Amino acid sequence: GSGSGSGSGSGGAQSAAALLRATAAASLRAPAPGTPPILAESRGEFARFQLPPTGLVVGLGDPVSDILVRLDDEHFAARVFANGGIDEPGGCLPVDSDGEIKRLLSLCSSESGAAAKAVLRGVTPVYCPGGSAANVMKGIANLGGDAAFVGMIGRDEVGRRYRELLAAQNVRPVLLTASGADAHTLGSAQCLSLVEKSGQRTMRTYLGASLRMGAADFPEEEALAGARLLHLEGYTLYRPELARAAMKAAKARGALVSLDLASFEVVRNCRAQLLSILEDGLADLLFANEDEAQELVREMDGGGGAEGGAGGHGMDGVEEEEEDDEGRMSYKAADRAMEWMLQYCKVATVSLGPRGCVTTDREGRRGVAPGVRVPVVDTTGAGDVFTAGFLFAYLSGASLQACASCGCAAGTQVVQVLGAELTPPKWAELRGHVGGIIQRLGSGSGNSDDSGGGNSD
């Protein structure tokens, strides 16, 4: 829905809500009968609109092979969980070895008998090259940009498959192989998702070889030659020396740096690392969802107090005004979070799930895009594809309003499929729609950057 938020509180909150109402109609023109709104302008003249090249975008993160298994038969699902020792389905837990993932996969194919064969036809694992930063690069490449991804894999079939699948999506793999005396014991990162008919996911993640990548391993020349932007997933903050080395190398080459905060746990657990990197001016664009932004607001208010906080941005009555009547982040709280972020970066963006997003820069330019009601199949990776749409538009010279709308268009499209994987025809439709948004909402001629890699034509 258009979701205007609480609309109360500070003038910033009112301006966000007002801008949302003013731009909703322009961002989402009425489609032809029977055509989903998100694709309505992907045809005709907008589909033929030619965008300037984005330049090379490089992602850094964990190369996680997503393994999706659908358990549509509830009785079969119950047996898998019981035999797998999973007492509470749902949620995501780390595992210490890839053997646990292999064990659970074997349970999904161990049924016998004629009746079981019919069930098992629907539980064939689907492998996708995942990980937050890799998903962003896949999105940029499929929208027509130039993308590469840096990470570390093990000496195994999982890593080989990951490299091939990533390259098949037009992302250049810059994948190092773990070395050392025990390297043969380290498998490539994997995340097994057991998806029930209701949509509930039970996830088990093994990071393995990816955690071995350190600052000294970062392949600067191979990764960053000609790069215009380096994008890091927030999980790299658990290895701050790697994140810092990569960011400094990118900045030294004149490239922009963007950082997605990844999860509220990352913000909470890596607060010191995040502040250190931001205070050193190593990030140009910051992305947060509402959970992460709320964590920033709580932190800058001294852990939830109404007064004080980092940067002196605390205000009276904050507890009553941070969320709307449905417990969602208010536009006032999003504005406050972005105000804090802009102390350290040039562009701050907060995504609000089905309510869209808000974005602003240090010059006061703003973008507010509404959400669109669509049938939701799977929200996994939606935030990453949102970031891909935003960055693609930004590097194409679009205005912040266009960037916000492109991000929401991309995120809305991907929640309608399983596993953040769109088909080539769907990507083609989305490319046309994104081009139409940029053409209609204009360029961001003021969005230039001081570095050689900035968002300028």
Foldseek 3Di string as FASTA:
>chain_A
DQPLFFCDDDPLLVVQSVQSVVCACVLFPDADPPDPSLLRQLDDPLLVFDFDALWEEEEEDAFAKEKEFEQAPPVLVVQLCVVLVNPDFFDEDEDAACVSVVVSVCSLVVDDDPVVVVRSVRGDIDIAGDDLRLLLQLLLVLLPHQYEYEFEFAPDPSVVVNCVRSVVSRYHYPYHYDDDPCRNRFGGKYKYWYAYSVRGTGIYIYHTGRVVDAQVNDPLCVRQVRGLEYEYELVCLVRLRNVLSNLVSNVVVQHAYEYENHALVSCVVNVVSVVVCLVVLSHAEYEYEQRNLVSQVCQQCVNNPQFGGPPRLHHPPCVVQQHHPVRFGGSVSVVSSQVVSQVRYAKYKYARPQQFIKIAGPVGFIATHGHDDDDFNHQPNLQSSLSSQLSSLQSSQAGRNLSRSRSRSRSNLQRNDPPSDDDSVSSSSSSSSSSSSRVSRDGHCVQADPTPSTNHD
